[in-house]
C-alpha atoms as a PDB file:
ATOM      1  CA  MET A   1      62.172 109.692 100.886  1.00  0.00           C
ATOM      2  CA  TYR A   2      65.048 108.246  99.914  1.00  0.00           C
ATOM      3  CA  PRO A   3      66.178 108.256  96.183  1.00  0.00           C
ATOM      4  CA  THR A   4      64.960 105.150  94.422  1.00  0.00           C
ATOM      5  CA  ALA A   5      68.358 104.760  92.662  1.00  0.00           C
ATOM      6  CA  LEU A   6      70.285 104.824  95.446  1.00  0.00           C
ATOM      7  CA  THR A   7      68.237 101.787  97.096  1.00  0.00           C
ATOM      8  CA  GLN A   8      68.480  99.701  94.102  1.00  0.00           C
ATOM      9  CA  LEU A   9      72.156 100.221  93.887  1.00  0.00           C
ATOM     10  CA  ALA A  10      72.453  99.117  97.432  1.00  0.00           C
ATOM     11  CA  ARG A  11      70.463  96.283  96.830  1.00  0.00           C
ATOM     12  CA  ALA A  12      72.471  95.438  93.859  1.00  0.00           C
ATOM     13  CA  ASN A  13      75.784  96.002  95.015  1.00  0.00           C
ATOM     14  CA  PRO A  14      77.897  92.929  94.545  1.00  0.00           C
ATOM     15  CA  PHE A  15      80.076  93.711  97.936  1.00  0.00           C
ATOM     16  CA  SER A  16      76.928  93.546 100.085  1.00  0.00           C
ATOM     17  CA  ALA A  17      78.359  92.626 103.313  1.00  0.00           C
ATOM     18  CA  PRO A  18      81.128  95.481 104.820  1.00  0.00           C
ATOM     19  CA  LEU A  19      84.314  93.837 106.638  1.00  0.00           C
ATOM     20  CA  PHE A  20      83.369  95.833 109.846  1.00  0.00           C
ATOM     21  CA  SER A  21      80.171  97.241 111.173  1.00  0.00           C
ATOM     22  CA  LEU A  22      80.556 100.963 112.835  1.00  0.00           C
ATOM     23  CA  GLN A  23      78.195 101.198 115.537  1.00  0.00           C
ATOM     24  CA  ARG A  24      77.844 104.152 118.313  1.00  0.00           C
ATOM     25  CA  ALA A  25      80.885 103.924 121.057  1.00  0.00           C
ATOM     26  CA  GLU A  26      79.571 104.288 124.149  1.00  0.00           C
ATOM     27  CA  GLU A  27      78.347 107.623 125.374  1.00  0.00           C
ATOM     28  CA  LEU A  28      79.508 109.468 128.152  1.00  0.00           C
ATOM     29  CA  GLN A  29      77.181 110.218 131.279  1.00  0.00           C
ATOM     30  CA  GLN A  30      76.156 113.378 131.376  1.00  0.00           C
ATOM     31  CA  THR A  31      72.924 115.732 132.329  1.00  0.00           C
ATOM     32  CA  PRO A  32      70.475 116.057 129.279  1.00  0.00           C
ATOM     33  CA  ALA A  33      71.311 119.604 129.876  1.00  0.00           C
ATOM     34  CA  ALA A  34      75.315 118.789 128.622  1.00  0.00           C
ATOM     35  CA  GLY A  35      73.630 117.665 124.896  1.00  0.00           C
ATOM     36  CA  PRO A  36      74.253 114.719 122.874  1.00  0.00           C
ATOM     37  CA  ALA A  37      77.433 112.565 123.617  1.00  0.00           C
ATOM     38  CA  PRO A  38      80.092 112.842 120.612  1.00  0.00           C
ATOM     39  CA  ARG A  39      80.470 110.031 118.402  1.00  0.00           C
ATOM     40  CA  ARG A  40      83.393 108.383 116.965  1.00  0.00           C
ATOM     41  CA  LEU A  41      83.717 105.174 114.589  1.00  0.00           C
ATOM     42  CA  ALA A  42      84.685 102.233 116.657  1.00  0.00           C
ATOM     43  CA  ALA A  43      84.554  98.878 115.685  1.00  0.00           C
ATOM     44  CA  ALA A  44      82.287  95.789 116.934  1.00  0.00           C
ATOM     45  CA  ALA A  45      84.850  94.013 118.267  1.00  0.00           C
ATOM     46  CA  THR A  46      86.111  96.465 120.939  1.00  0.00           C
ATOM     47  CA  ALA A  47      82.885  95.079 123.319  1.00  0.00           C
ATOM     48  CA  ASP A  48      85.285  91.760 123.588  1.00  0.00           C
ATOM     49  CA  ASP A  49      87.764  90.822 125.949  1.00  0.00           C
ATOM     50  CA  VAL A  50      90.887  92.665 124.325  1.00  0.00           C
ATOM     51  CA  SER A  51      93.933  93.683 125.308  1.00  0.00           C
ATOM     52  CA  CYS A  52      93.423  97.662 124.148  1.00  0.00           C
ATOM     53  CA  ALA A  53      91.190  99.754 122.611  1.00  0.00           C
ATOM     54  CA  PHE A  54      90.732  99.577 118.809  1.00  0.00           C
ATOM     55  CA  GLY A  55      92.755 102.361 116.846  1.00  0.00           C
ATOM     56  CA  SER A  56      94.984 102.872 120.082  1.00  0.00           C
ATOM     57  CA  ASN A  57      98.289 103.524 119.655  1.00  0.00           C
ATOM     58  CA  LYS A  58      99.205 100.435 121.349  1.00  0.00           C
ATOM     59  CA  TYR A  59      97.135  98.502 118.713  1.00  0.00           C
ATOM     60  CA  TYR A  60      98.907 100.032 115.953  1.00  0.00           C
ATOM     61  CA  ALA A  61     102.279  98.899 117.570  1.00  0.00           C
ATOM     62  CA  MET A  62     101.062  95.631 118.066  1.00  0.00           C
ATOM     63  CA  CYS A  63      99.754  95.409 114.508  1.00  0.00           C
ATOM     64  CA  GLY A  64     102.914  96.719 113.079  1.00  0.00           C
ATOM     65  CA  PHE A  65     105.035  94.109 114.892  1.00  0.00           C
ATOM     66  CA  GLY A  66     102.844  91.633 113.577  1.00  0.00           C
ATOM     67  CA  GLY A  67     103.632  92.804 110.039  1.00  0.00           C
ATOM     68  CA  ILE A  68     107.380  92.517 110.995  1.00  0.00           C
ATOM     69  CA  LEU A  69     106.875  88.505 111.818  1.00  0.00           C
ATOM     70  CA  SER A  70     104.036  87.885 108.783  1.00  0.00           C
ATOM     71  CA  CYS A  71     106.536  89.741 105.980  1.00  0.00           C
ATOM     72  CA  GLY A  72     110.288  89.264 107.750  1.00  0.00           C
ATOM     73  CA  LEU A  73     109.877  85.562 108.475  1.00  0.00           C
ATOM     74  CA  THR A  74     108.048  84.488 105.409  1.00  0.00           C
ATOM     75  CA  HIS A  75     110.064  86.059 102.957  1.00  0.00           C
ATOM     76  CA  THR A  76     113.401  84.814 104.280  1.00  0.00           C
ATOM     77  CA  ALA A  77     111.618  81.435 104.359  1.00  0.00           C
ATOM     78  CA  VAL A  78     111.278  81.138 100.268  1.00  0.00           C
ATOM     79  CA  VAL A  79     114.310  82.875  99.514  1.00  0.00           C
ATOM     80  CA  PRO A  80     115.706  79.766  97.601  1.00  0.00           C
ATOM     81  CA  LEU A  81     112.502  79.948  95.130  1.00  0.00           C
ATOM     82  CA  ASP A  82     112.562  83.906  95.078  1.00  0.00           C
ATOM     83  CA  LEU A  83     116.321  83.437  93.916  1.00  0.00           C
ATOM     84  CA  VAL A  84     115.414  80.915  91.290  1.00  0.00           C
ATOM     85  CA  LYS A  85     112.566  83.105  90.179  1.00  0.00           C
ATOM     86  CA  CYS A  86     114.755  86.038  90.013  1.00  0.00           C
ATOM     87  CA  ARG A  87     117.646  84.214  87.831  1.00  0.00           C
ATOM     88  CA  LEU A  88     115.064  82.912  85.703  1.00  0.00           C
ATOM     89  CA  GLN A  89     113.465  86.494  84.877  1.00  0.00           C
ATOM     90  CA  VAL A  90     117.263  87.957  84.335  1.00  0.00           C
ATOM     91  CA  ASP A  91     118.927  85.213  82.372  1.00  0.00           C
ATOM     92  CA  PRO A  92     116.145  82.850  80.885  1.00  0.00           C
ATOM     93  CA  GLU A  93     118.783  81.648  78.226  1.00  0.00           C
ATOM     94  CA  LYS A  94     120.662  79.949  80.984  1.00  0.00           C
ATOM     95  CA  TYR A  95     117.689  79.017  83.538  1.00  0.00           C
ATOM     96  CA  LYS A  96     114.883  77.320  81.679  1.00  0.00           C
ATOM     97  CA  SER A  97     112.441  76.255  84.382  1.00  0.00           C
ATOM     98  CA  ILE A  98     112.201  76.114  88.000  1.00  0.00           C
ATOM     99  CA  GLY A  99     113.695  72.477  88.417  1.00  0.00           C
ATOM    100  CA  ASN A 100     116.729  73.455  85.905  1.00  0.00           C
ATOM    101  CA  GLY A 101     117.187  76.790  87.854  1.00  0.00           C
ATOM    102  CA  PHE A 102     117.366  75.322  91.463  1.00  0.00           C
ATOM    103  CA  ARG A 103     119.790  72.076  89.678  1.00  0.00           C
ATOM    104  CA  LEU A 104     122.143  74.997  88.221  1.00  0.00           C
ATOM    105  CA  THR A 105     122.108  77.008  91.531  1.00  0.00           C
ATOM    106  CA  VAL A 106     123.156  73.905  93.465  1.00  0.00           C
ATOM    107  CA  ARG A 107     125.884  72.586  90.882  1.00  0.00           C
ATOM    108  CA  GLU A 108     127.297  76.139  90.627  1.00  0.00           C
ATOM    109  CA  ASP A 109     127.351  77.423  94.247  1.00  0.00           C
ATOM    110  CA  GLY A 110     126.327  74.308  96.491  1.00  0.00           C
ATOM    111  CA  ALA A 111     123.313  73.919  98.499  1.00  0.00           C
ATOM    112  CA  ARG A 112     124.351  77.259 100.622  1.00  0.00           C
ATOM    113  CA  GLY A 113     124.128  79.310  97.254  1.00  0.00           C
ATOM    114  CA  LEU A 114     120.315  78.691  97.470  1.00  0.00           C
ATOM    115  CA  ALA A 115     120.394  81.020 100.631  1.00  0.00           C
ATOM    116  CA  LYS A 116     122.270  83.843  99.130  1.00  0.00           C
ATOM    117  CA  GLY A 117     120.391  87.035  99.807  1.00  0.00           C
ATOM    118  CA  TRP A 118     118.531  85.910 103.102  1.00  0.00           C
ATOM    119  CA  ALA A 119     120.127  88.824 105.307  1.00  0.00           C
ATOM    120  CA  PRO A 120     118.643  91.874 102.818  1.00  0.00           C
ATOM    121  CA  THR A 121     115.592  89.673 102.392  1.00  0.00           C
ATOM    122  CA  PHE A 122     114.947  89.356 106.177  1.00  0.00           C
ATOM    123  CA  ILE A 123     115.768  92.934 107.031  1.00  0.00           C
ATOM    124  CA  GLY A 124     114.154  94.748 104.117  1.00  0.00           C
ATOM    125  CA  TYR A 125     110.861  92.905 104.033  1.00  0.00           C
ATOM    126  CA  SER A 126     110.564  93.326 108.008  1.00  0.00           C
ATOM    127  CA  MET A 127     110.733  96.830 107.704  1.00  0.00           C
ATOM    128  CA  GLN A 128     108.088  96.736 104.905  1.00  0.00           C
ATOM    129  CA  GLY A 129     105.591  94.583 106.948  1.00  0.00           C
ATOM    130  CA  LEU A 130     105.726  97.193 109.761  1.00  0.00           C
ATOM    131  CA  CYS A 131     104.705  99.682 107.387  1.00  0.00           C
ATOM    132  CA  LYS A 132     102.874  97.826 105.132  1.00  0.00           C
ATOM    133  CA  PHE A 133     100.669  96.330 107.976  1.00  0.00           C
ATOM    134  CA  GLY A 134     100.974  99.140 110.584  1.00  0.00           C
ATOM    135  CA  PHE A 135      99.987 102.029 108.202  1.00  0.00           C
ATOM    136  CA  TYR A 136      96.782  99.833 106.781  1.00  0.00           C
ATOM    137  CA  GLU A 137      95.332  99.783 109.867  1.00  0.00           C
ATOM    138  CA  VAL A 138      96.144 103.604 110.749  1.00  0.00           C
ATOM    139  CA  PHE A 139      95.055 104.882 107.261  1.00  0.00           C
ATOM    140  CA  LYS A 140      92.167 102.451 107.025  1.00  0.00           C
ATOM    141  CA  ILE A 141      90.853 104.067 110.235  1.00  0.00           C
ATOM    142  CA  PHE A 142      91.502 107.346 109.274  1.00  0.00           C
ATOM    143  CA  TYR A 143      90.006 107.065 106.083  1.00  0.00           C
ATOM    144  CA  SER A 144      86.829 105.440 107.621  1.00  0.00           C
ATOM    145  CA  ASP A 145      86.442 108.222 110.091  1.00  0.00           C
ATOM    146  CA  LEU A 146      86.583 110.656 107.574  1.00  0.00           C
ATOM    147  CA  MET A 147      83.818 108.848 105.231  1.00  0.00           C
ATOM    148  CA  GLY A 148      81.530 108.381 107.947  1.00  0.00           C
ATOM    149  CA  GLU A 149      79.951 105.005 108.754  1.00  0.00           C
ATOM    150  CA  GLU A 150      77.341 105.020 106.039  1.00  0.00           C
ATOM    151  CA  ASN A 151      79.804 105.695 103.193  1.00  0.00           C
ATOM    152  CA  THR A 152      82.211 103.293 104.838  1.00  0.00           C
ATOM    153  CA  TYR A 153      79.701 100.391 104.484  1.00  0.00           C
ATOM    154  CA  LEU A 154      79.092 101.372 100.792  1.00  0.00           C
ATOM    155  CA  TRP A 155      82.397 102.220  99.727  1.00  0.00           C
ATOM    156  CA  ARG A 156      84.268 100.018 101.839  1.00  0.00           C
ATOM    157  CA  THR A 157      86.113  98.365  98.950  1.00  0.00           C
ATOM    158  CA  SER A 158      87.515 101.689  97.690  1.00  0.00           C
ATOM    159  CA  LEU A 159      88.295 102.166 101.568  1.00  0.00           C
ATOM    160  CA  TYR A 160      90.533  98.871 101.266  1.00  0.00           C
ATOM    161  CA  LEU A 161      92.046  99.801  97.994  1.00  0.00           C
ATOM    162  CA  ALA A 162      92.966 103.635  99.165  1.00  0.00           C
ATOM    163  CA  ALA A 163      94.406 102.435 102.716  1.00  0.00           C
ATOM    164  CA  SER A 164      96.447  99.614 101.071  1.00  0.00           C
ATOM    165  CA  ALA A 165      97.964 102.091  98.424  1.00  0.00           C
ATOM    166  CA  SER A 166      98.739 104.610 100.914  1.00  0.00           C
ATOM    167  CA  ALA A 167     100.477 102.173 103.740  1.00  0.00           C
ATOM    168  CA  GLU A 168     102.337 100.392 100.491  1.00  0.00           C
ATOM    169  CA  PHE A 169     103.816 103.825  99.561  1.00  0.00           C
ATOM    170  CA  PHE A 170     105.815 104.276 102.626  1.00  0.00           C
ATOM    171  CA  ALA A 171     106.558 100.702 102.663  1.00  0.00           C
ATOM    172  CA  ASP A 172     108.249 100.743  99.548  1.00  0.00           C
ATOM    173  CA  ILE A 173     110.934 103.219 100.543  1.00  0.00           C
ATOM    174  CA  ALA A 174     111.586 101.084 103.323  1.00  0.00           C
ATOM    175  CA  LEU A 175     112.255  98.015 101.443  1.00  0.00           C
ATOM    176  CA  ALA A 176     114.037  99.734  98.444  1.00  0.00           C
ATOM    177  CA  PRO A 177     117.732  99.491  99.693  1.00  0.00           C
ATOM    178  CA  MET A 178     117.675  96.084 100.669  1.00  0.00           C
ATOM    179  CA  GLU A 179     115.566  95.132  97.833  1.00  0.00           C
ATOM    180  CA  ALA A 180     118.537  96.142  95.547  1.00  0.00           C
ATOM    181  CA  CYS A 181     120.868  94.470  97.673  1.00  0.00           C
ATOM    182  CA  LYS A 182     119.202  91.169  97.397  1.00  0.00           C
ATOM    183  CA  VAL A 183     118.656  91.447  93.893  1.00  0.00           C
ATOM    184  CA  ARG A 184     122.128  92.153  93.397  1.00  0.00           C
ATOM    185  CA  ILE A 185     123.499  89.213  95.159  1.00  0.00           C
ATOM    186  CA  GLN A 186     121.317  86.924  93.936  1.00  0.00           C
ATOM    187  CA  THR A 187     121.580  87.655  90.062  1.00  0.00           C
ATOM    188  CA  LYS A 188     124.950  88.798  89.491  1.00  0.00           C
ATOM    189  CA  PRO A 189     127.428  85.804  90.077  1.00  0.00           C
ATOM    190  CA  GLY A 190     130.880  87.019  91.842  1.00  0.00           C
ATOM    191  CA  TYR A 191     129.748  90.518  93.024  1.00  0.00           C
ATOM    192  CA  ALA A 192     128.887  89.730  96.235  1.00  0.00           C
ATOM    193  CA  ASN A 193     128.150  86.940  98.858  1.00  0.00           C
ATOM    194  CA  THR A 194     126.984  88.924 101.722  1.00  0.00           C
ATOM    195  CA  LEU A 195     124.862  92.382 102.545  1.00  0.00           C
ATOM    196  CA  ARG A 196     128.036  93.544 104.060  1.00  0.00           C
ATOM    197  CA  GLU A 197     130.222  92.971 100.917  1.00  0.00           C
ATOM    198  CA  CYS A 198     127.158  94.325  99.007  1.00  0.00           C
ATOM    199  CA  ALA A 199     126.173  97.252 100.546  1.00  0.00           C
ATOM    200  CA  PRO A 200     129.626  99.399 100.910  1.00  0.00           C
ATOM    201  CA  LYS A 201     130.350  98.134  97.124  1.00  0.00           C
ATOM    202  CA  MET A 202     127.006  99.497  95.479  1.00  0.00           C
ATOM    203  CA  TYR A 203     127.267 102.641  97.501  1.00  0.00           C
ATOM    204  CA  ALA A 204     131.070 103.182  96.316  1.00  0.00           C
ATOM    205  CA  GLU A 205     129.984 102.841  92.400  1.00  0.00           C
ATOM    206  CA  GLU A 206     126.527 104.315  92.184  1.00  0.00           C
ATOM    207  CA  GLY A 207     125.982 106.540  95.437  1.00  0.00           C
ATOM    208  CA  VAL A 208     122.795 106.546  97.624  1.00  0.00           C
ATOM    209  CA  TRP A 209     120.861 106.252  93.911  1.00  0.00           C
ATOM    210  CA  ALA A 210     121.856 102.523  93.654  1.00  0.00           C
ATOM    211  CA  PHE A 211     119.551 101.659  96.673  1.00  0.00           C
ATOM    212  CA  TYR A 212     116.938 103.807  95.382  1.00  0.00           C
ATOM    213  CA  LYS A 213     116.893 103.855  91.345  1.00  0.00           C
ATOM    214  CA  GLY A 214     114.558 100.731  91.814  1.00  0.00           C
ATOM    215  CA  VAL A 215     111.748 102.438  93.997  1.00  0.00           C
ATOM    216  CA  VAL A 216     109.566 103.546  90.913  1.00  0.00           C
ATOM    217  CA  PRO A 217     109.318 100.079  89.390  1.00  0.00           C
ATOM    218  CA  LEU A 218     109.021  98.750  92.922  1.00  0.00           C
ATOM    219  CA  TRP A 219     105.803 101.207  93.413  1.00  0.00           C
ATOM    220  CA  MET A 220     104.412 100.023  90.496  1.00  0.00           C
ATOM    221  CA  ARG A 221     105.066  96.550  91.473  1.00  0.00           C
ATOM    222  CA  GLN A 222     104.338  96.392  94.936  1.00  0.00           C
ATOM    223  CA  ILE A 223     101.205  99.046  95.200  1.00  0.00           C
ATOM    224  CA  PRO A 224      98.863  97.048  92.991  1.00  0.00           C
ATOM    225  CA  TYR A 225     100.327  93.738  94.377  1.00  0.00           C
ATOM    226  CA  THR A 226      99.179  95.611  98.145  1.00  0.00           C
ATOM    227  CA  MET A 227      95.845  96.688  96.887  1.00  0.00           C
ATOM    228  CA  MET A 228      94.949  93.224  95.477  1.00  0.00           C
ATOM    229  CA  LYS A 229      96.304  91.506  98.479  1.00  0.00           C
ATOM    230  CA  PHE A 230      94.273  93.567 101.152  1.00  0.00           C
ATOM    231  CA  ALA A 231      90.915  94.428  99.124  1.00  0.00           C
ATOM    232  CA  CYS A 232      90.823  90.569  97.978  1.00  0.00           C
ATOM    233  CA  PHE A 233      91.476  89.114 101.356  1.00  0.00           C
ATOM    234  CA  GLU A 234      88.903  91.444 102.866  1.00  0.00           C
ATOM    235  CA  ARG A 235      86.255  90.492 100.444  1.00  0.00           C
ATOM    236  CA  THR A 236      87.268  86.491 100.265  1.00  0.00           C
ATOM    237  CA  VAL A 237      86.693  86.579 103.971  1.00  0.00           C
ATOM    238  CA  GLU A 238      83.259  88.214 103.835  1.00  0.00           C
ATOM    239  CA  LEU A 239      82.224  85.490 100.900  1.00  0.00           C
ATOM    240  CA  LEU A 240      83.774  82.565 103.039  1.00  0.00           C
ATOM    241  CA  TYR A 241      81.847  83.503 106.169  1.00  0.00           C
ATOM    242  CA  LYS A 242      78.646  83.950 104.009  1.00  0.00           C
ATOM    243  CA  TYR A 243      78.630  81.321 101.626  1.00  0.00           C
ATOM    244  CA  ALA A 244      81.265  78.594 102.789  1.00  0.00           C
ATOM    245  CA  VAL A 245      81.275  78.476 106.252  1.00  0.00           C
ATOM    246  CA  PRO A 246      78.038  76.592 107.994  1.00  0.00           C
ATOM    247  CA  LYS A 247      77.855  79.021 110.930  1.00  0.00           C
ATOM    248  CA  PRO A 248      78.467  82.591 112.112  1.00  0.00           C
ATOM    249  CA  ARG A 249      82.480  83.823 112.750  1.00  0.00           C
ATOM    250  CA  SER A 250      81.528  84.545 116.327  1.00  0.00           C
ATOM    251  CA  GLU A 251      80.314  80.736 116.593  1.00  0.00           C
ATOM    252  CA  CYS A 252      83.936  79.892 115.015  1.00  0.00           C
ATOM    253  CA  SER A 253      86.793  78.993 116.942  1.00  0.00           C
ATOM    254  CA  LYS A 254      89.979  80.707 116.833  1.00  0.00           C
ATOM    255  CA  SER A 255      91.562  77.738 114.960  1.00  0.00           C
ATOM    256  CA  GLU A 256      88.602  77.358 112.545  1.00  0.00           C
ATOM    257  CA  GLN A 257      88.780  81.283 112.021  1.00  0.00           C
ATOM    258  CA  LEU A 258      92.698  81.154 111.513  1.00  0.00           C
ATOM    259  CA  ILE A 259      91.992  78.511 108.958  1.00  0.00           C
ATOM    260  CA  VAL A 260      89.557  80.865 106.831  1.00  0.00           C
ATOM    261  CA  THR A 261      92.171  83.743 107.053  1.00  0.00           C
ATOM    262  CA  PHE A 262      94.927  81.201 105.500  1.00  0.00           C
ATOM    263  CA  THR A 263      92.286  80.034 102.882  1.00  0.00           C
ATOM    264  CA  ALA A 264      91.114  83.992 101.978  1.00  0.00           C
ATOM    265  CA  GLY A 265      95.227  84.588 102.184  1.00  0.00           C
ATOM    266  CA  TYR A 266      96.036  82.047  99.603  1.00  0.00           C
ATOM    267  CA  ILE A 267      93.272  82.990  96.968  1.00  0.00           C
ATOM    268  CA  ALA A 268      94.452  86.687  97.193  1.00  0.00           C
ATOM    269  CA  GLY A 269      98.059  85.741  96.989  1.00  0.00           C
ATOM    270  CA  VAL A 270      97.369  84.076  93.441  1.00  0.00           C
ATOM    271  CA  PHE A 271      95.833  87.299  92.259  1.00  0.00           C
ATOM    272  CA  CYS A 272      98.487  89.319  93.454  1.00  0.00           C
ATOM    273  CA  ALA A 273     101.077  87.423  91.671  1.00  0.00           C
ATOM    274  CA  ILE A 274      99.763  87.986  88.528  1.00  0.00           C
ATOM    275  CA  VAL A 275      98.873  91.694  88.658  1.00  0.00           C
ATOM    276  CA  SER A 276     102.305  92.569  89.961  1.00  0.00           C
ATOM    277  CA  HIS A 277     104.831  90.209  87.701  1.00  0.00           C
ATOM    278  CA  PRO A 278     105.677  92.419  85.047  1.00  0.00           C
ATOM    279  CA  ALA A 279     106.705  95.003  87.340  1.00  0.00           C
ATOM    280  CA  ASP A 280     108.328  92.222  89.452  1.00  0.00           C
ATOM    281  CA  SER A 281     110.391  91.459  86.173  1.00  0.00           C
ATOM    282  CA  VAL A 282     111.665  94.693  85.628  1.00  0.00           C
ATOM    283  CA  VAL A 283     112.512  95.357  89.060  1.00  0.00           C
ATOM    284  CA  SER A 284     114.997  92.193  89.082  1.00  0.00           C
ATOM    285  CA  VAL A 285     116.744  93.295  85.943  1.00  0.00           C
ATOM    286  CA  LEU A 286     116.890  96.819  86.884  1.00  0.00           C
ATOM    287  CA  ASN A 287     118.295  96.105  89.659  1.00  0.00           C
ATOM    288  CA  LYS A 288     120.859  93.399  88.179  1.00  0.00           C
ATOM    289  CA  GLU A 289     122.190  96.087  85.610  1.00  0.00           C
ATOM    290  CA  SER A 290     124.043  99.343  86.600  1.00  0.00           C
ATOM    291  CA  GLY A 291     123.048 102.262  84.508  1.00  0.00           C
ATOM    292  CA  SER A 292     119.377 101.209  83.227  1.00  0.00           C
ATOM    293  CA  THR A 293     116.179 102.449  83.660  1.00  0.00           C
ATOM    294  CA  ALA A 294     112.605 101.108  83.621  1.00  0.00           C
ATOM    295  CA  THR A 295     111.809 102.053  80.361  1.00  0.00           C
ATOM    296  CA  GLN A 296     115.213 100.682  78.913  1.00  0.00           C
ATOM    297  CA  VAL A 297     114.384  97.198  80.909  1.00  0.00           C
ATOM    298  CA  LEU A 298     110.702  97.140  79.722  1.00  0.00           C
ATOM    299  CA  LYS A 299     111.649  97.729  75.946  1.00  0.00           C
ATOM    300  CA  LYS A 300     114.458  94.924  76.368  1.00  0.00           C
ATOM    301  CA  LEU A 301     112.414  92.279  77.721  1.00  0.00           C
ATOM    302  CA  GLY A 302     109.355  92.913  75.706  1.00  0.00           C
ATOM    303  CA  PRO A 303     105.513  92.051  76.127  1.00  0.00           C
ATOM    304  CA  ARG A 304     106.637  88.246  76.565  1.00  0.00           C
ATOM    305  CA  GLY A 305     109.400  88.609  78.431  1.00  0.00           C
ATOM    306  CA  VAL A 306     107.808  90.637  81.267  1.00  0.00           C
ATOM    307  CA  TRP A 307     106.027  87.039  82.191  1.00  0.00           C
ATOM    308  CA  ASN A 308     109.314  84.926  82.475  1.00  0.00           C
ATOM    309  CA  GLY A 309     108.977  83.196  85.996  1.00  0.00           C
ATOM    310  CA  LEU A 310     105.100  83.868  86.891  1.00  0.00           C
ATOM    311  CA  VAL A 311     104.655  79.652  87.518  1.00  0.00           C
ATOM    312  CA  PRO A 312     107.288  79.998  90.596  1.00  0.00           C
ATOM    313  CA  ARG A 313     106.264  83.627  91.658  1.00  0.00           C
ATOM    314  CA  ILE A 314     102.438  82.460  91.949  1.00  0.00           C
ATOM    315  CA  ILE A 315     103.695  79.375  94.160  1.00  0.00           C
ATOM    316  CA  MET A 316     105.835  81.687  96.096  1.00  0.00           C
ATOM    317  CA  ILE A 317     103.533  84.843  95.977  1.00  0.00           C
ATOM    318  CA  GLY A 318     100.539  82.781  97.224  1.00  0.00           C
ATOM    319  CA  THR A 319     102.077  80.662  99.734  1.00  0.00           C
ATOM    320  CA  LEU A 320     103.819  84.008 101.147  1.00  0.00           C
ATOM    321  CA  THR A 321     100.274  85.691 101.107  1.00  0.00           C
ATOM    322  CA  ALA A 322      98.451  83.085 102.851  1.00  0.00           C
ATOM    323  CA  LEU A 323     101.208  82.262 105.352  1.00  0.00           C
ATOM    324  CA  GLN A 324     101.357  86.174 106.650  1.00  0.00           C
ATOM    325  CA  TRP A 325      97.833  86.708 106.622  1.00  0.00           C
ATOM    326  CA  PHE A 326      97.808  83.545 109.341  1.00  0.00           C
ATOM    327  CA  ILE A 327     100.885  85.062 111.257  1.00  0.00           C
ATOM    328  CA  TYR A 328      99.381  88.390 111.139  1.00  0.00           C
ATOM    329  CA  ASP A 329      96.046  87.333 112.401  1.00  0.00           C
ATOM    330  CA  SER A 330      97.733  84.842 114.963  1.00  0.00           C
ATOM    331  CA  VAL A 331      99.422  87.717 116.214  1.00  0.00           C
ATOM    332  CA  LYS A 332      96.232  89.484 116.847  1.00  0.00           C
ATOM    333  CA  VAL A 333      94.606  86.466 118.397  1.00  0.00           C
ATOM    334  CA  TYR A 334      97.923  85.859 120.990  1.00  0.00           C
ATOM    335  CA  PHE A 335      97.893  89.499 121.862  1.00  0.00           C
ATOM    336  CA  ARG A 336      93.895  89.599 122.540  1.00  0.00           C
ATOM    337  CA  LEU A 337      94.052  92.605 119.883  1.00  0.00           C
ATOM    338  CA  PRO A 338      90.636  93.744 118.611  1.00  0.00           C
ATOM    339  CA  ARG A 339      89.393  91.480 115.677  1.00  0.00           C
ATOM    340  CA  PRO A 340      86.330  93.299 113.721  1.00  0.00           C
ATOM    341  CA  PRO A 341      83.899  90.376 112.517  1.00  0.00           C
ATOM    342  CA  PRO A 342      81.708  90.317 109.447  1.00  0.00           C
ATOM    343  CA  PRO A 343      79.229  93.241 110.146  1.00  0.00           C
ATOM    344  CA  GLU A 344      75.991  94.412 108.992  1.00  0.00           C
ATOM    345  CA  MET A 345      74.521  97.336 107.613  1.00  0.00           C
ATOM    346  CA  PRO A 346      74.550 100.385 110.040  1.00  0.00           C
ATOM    347  CA  GLU A 347      70.861 100.761 111.156  1.00  0.00           C
ATOM    348  CA  SER A 348      70.870 104.906 110.104  1.00  0.00           C
ATOM    349  CA  LEU A 349      71.268 103.085 106.169  1.00  0.00           C
ATOM    350  CA  LYS A 350      68.921 100.586 106.937  1.00  0.00           C
ATOM    351  CA  LYS A 351      66.111 103.584 107.829  1.00  0.00           C
ATOM    352  CA  LYS A 352      67.201 105.464 104.875  1.00  0.00           C
ATOM    353  CA  LEU A 353      67.254 102.724 102.605  1.00  0.00           C
ATOM    354  CA  GLY A 354      63.780 101.872 103.699  1.00  0.00           C
ATOM    355  CA  LEU A 355      64.606  98.404 104.817  1.00  0.00           C
ATOM    356  CA  THR A 356      63.583  98.561 108.287  1.00  0.00           C
ATOM    357  CA  GLU A 357      60.696  99.875 110.272  1.00  0.00           C
END
């Protein structure tokens, strides 16, 4: 008899529906003497009309391409708001509010000044998106295969957190050089106006370290942000389909599914902004000032200073996250990639828990 405690735990689990169900892949045709066919974990969606197999190299490549579009385009689109946010963080005495920041920037640099840093933003966040979304799919499937289908169901939130943290570790290494250039251009007037001016100048002054000195605080900002972004999104999608959407996902049109994606993305983005904002403030000041360390910047800002610019960042990140998930899911729809639906508990686990005959 399966332990009663485990039965109670499964029934009381607040995360009662997994993101995807795992089921037996089609068994190879073979004679009884050959023994049982090997099993692998596969998404339930692979039976649909899709262009590639779930977990194939093409699947990973197209997910990476979706990440490039979702992160590169959205971050570039909000460069003006990002510029004002960074200036609020590094010079709160001069830039008092969002509106004041926009007015001062236009007055000093003209309307074109609001686009400062667009090139490193586009390049850097495209590379980050490639690694973030592409590696997330890789690690999610890899860890799921290690855990097995029952543990994947029971511990799926931990799976999302571990996969997203692993992916973001590499994504930030790809982002760090361009992030350093972007912040230097946006927050240090007169230093450089373009990426071609900024990168050689930073290298001449501080060497390669200039581009990677912010990688640790970047990890501090981005890893919690990405863990919240993916885990909160996955869980919110489940809850929306369970409690808010009046019909099963399989009966929803592609447009309706993308609306759910956008809504879940915005909700996740608000939480992401709050969780990661203190580290974001440290990164902004650190990349503006030469020779500073993360610890020195943190002491300088103090417990209140690290929250400067939170409101514009909530607006920016909420919108960004919603658009990123919308674009990413749209790429999957357009290229007919497998999109696993909200699943059910594996039959083997139901039997162990006494939930089925």
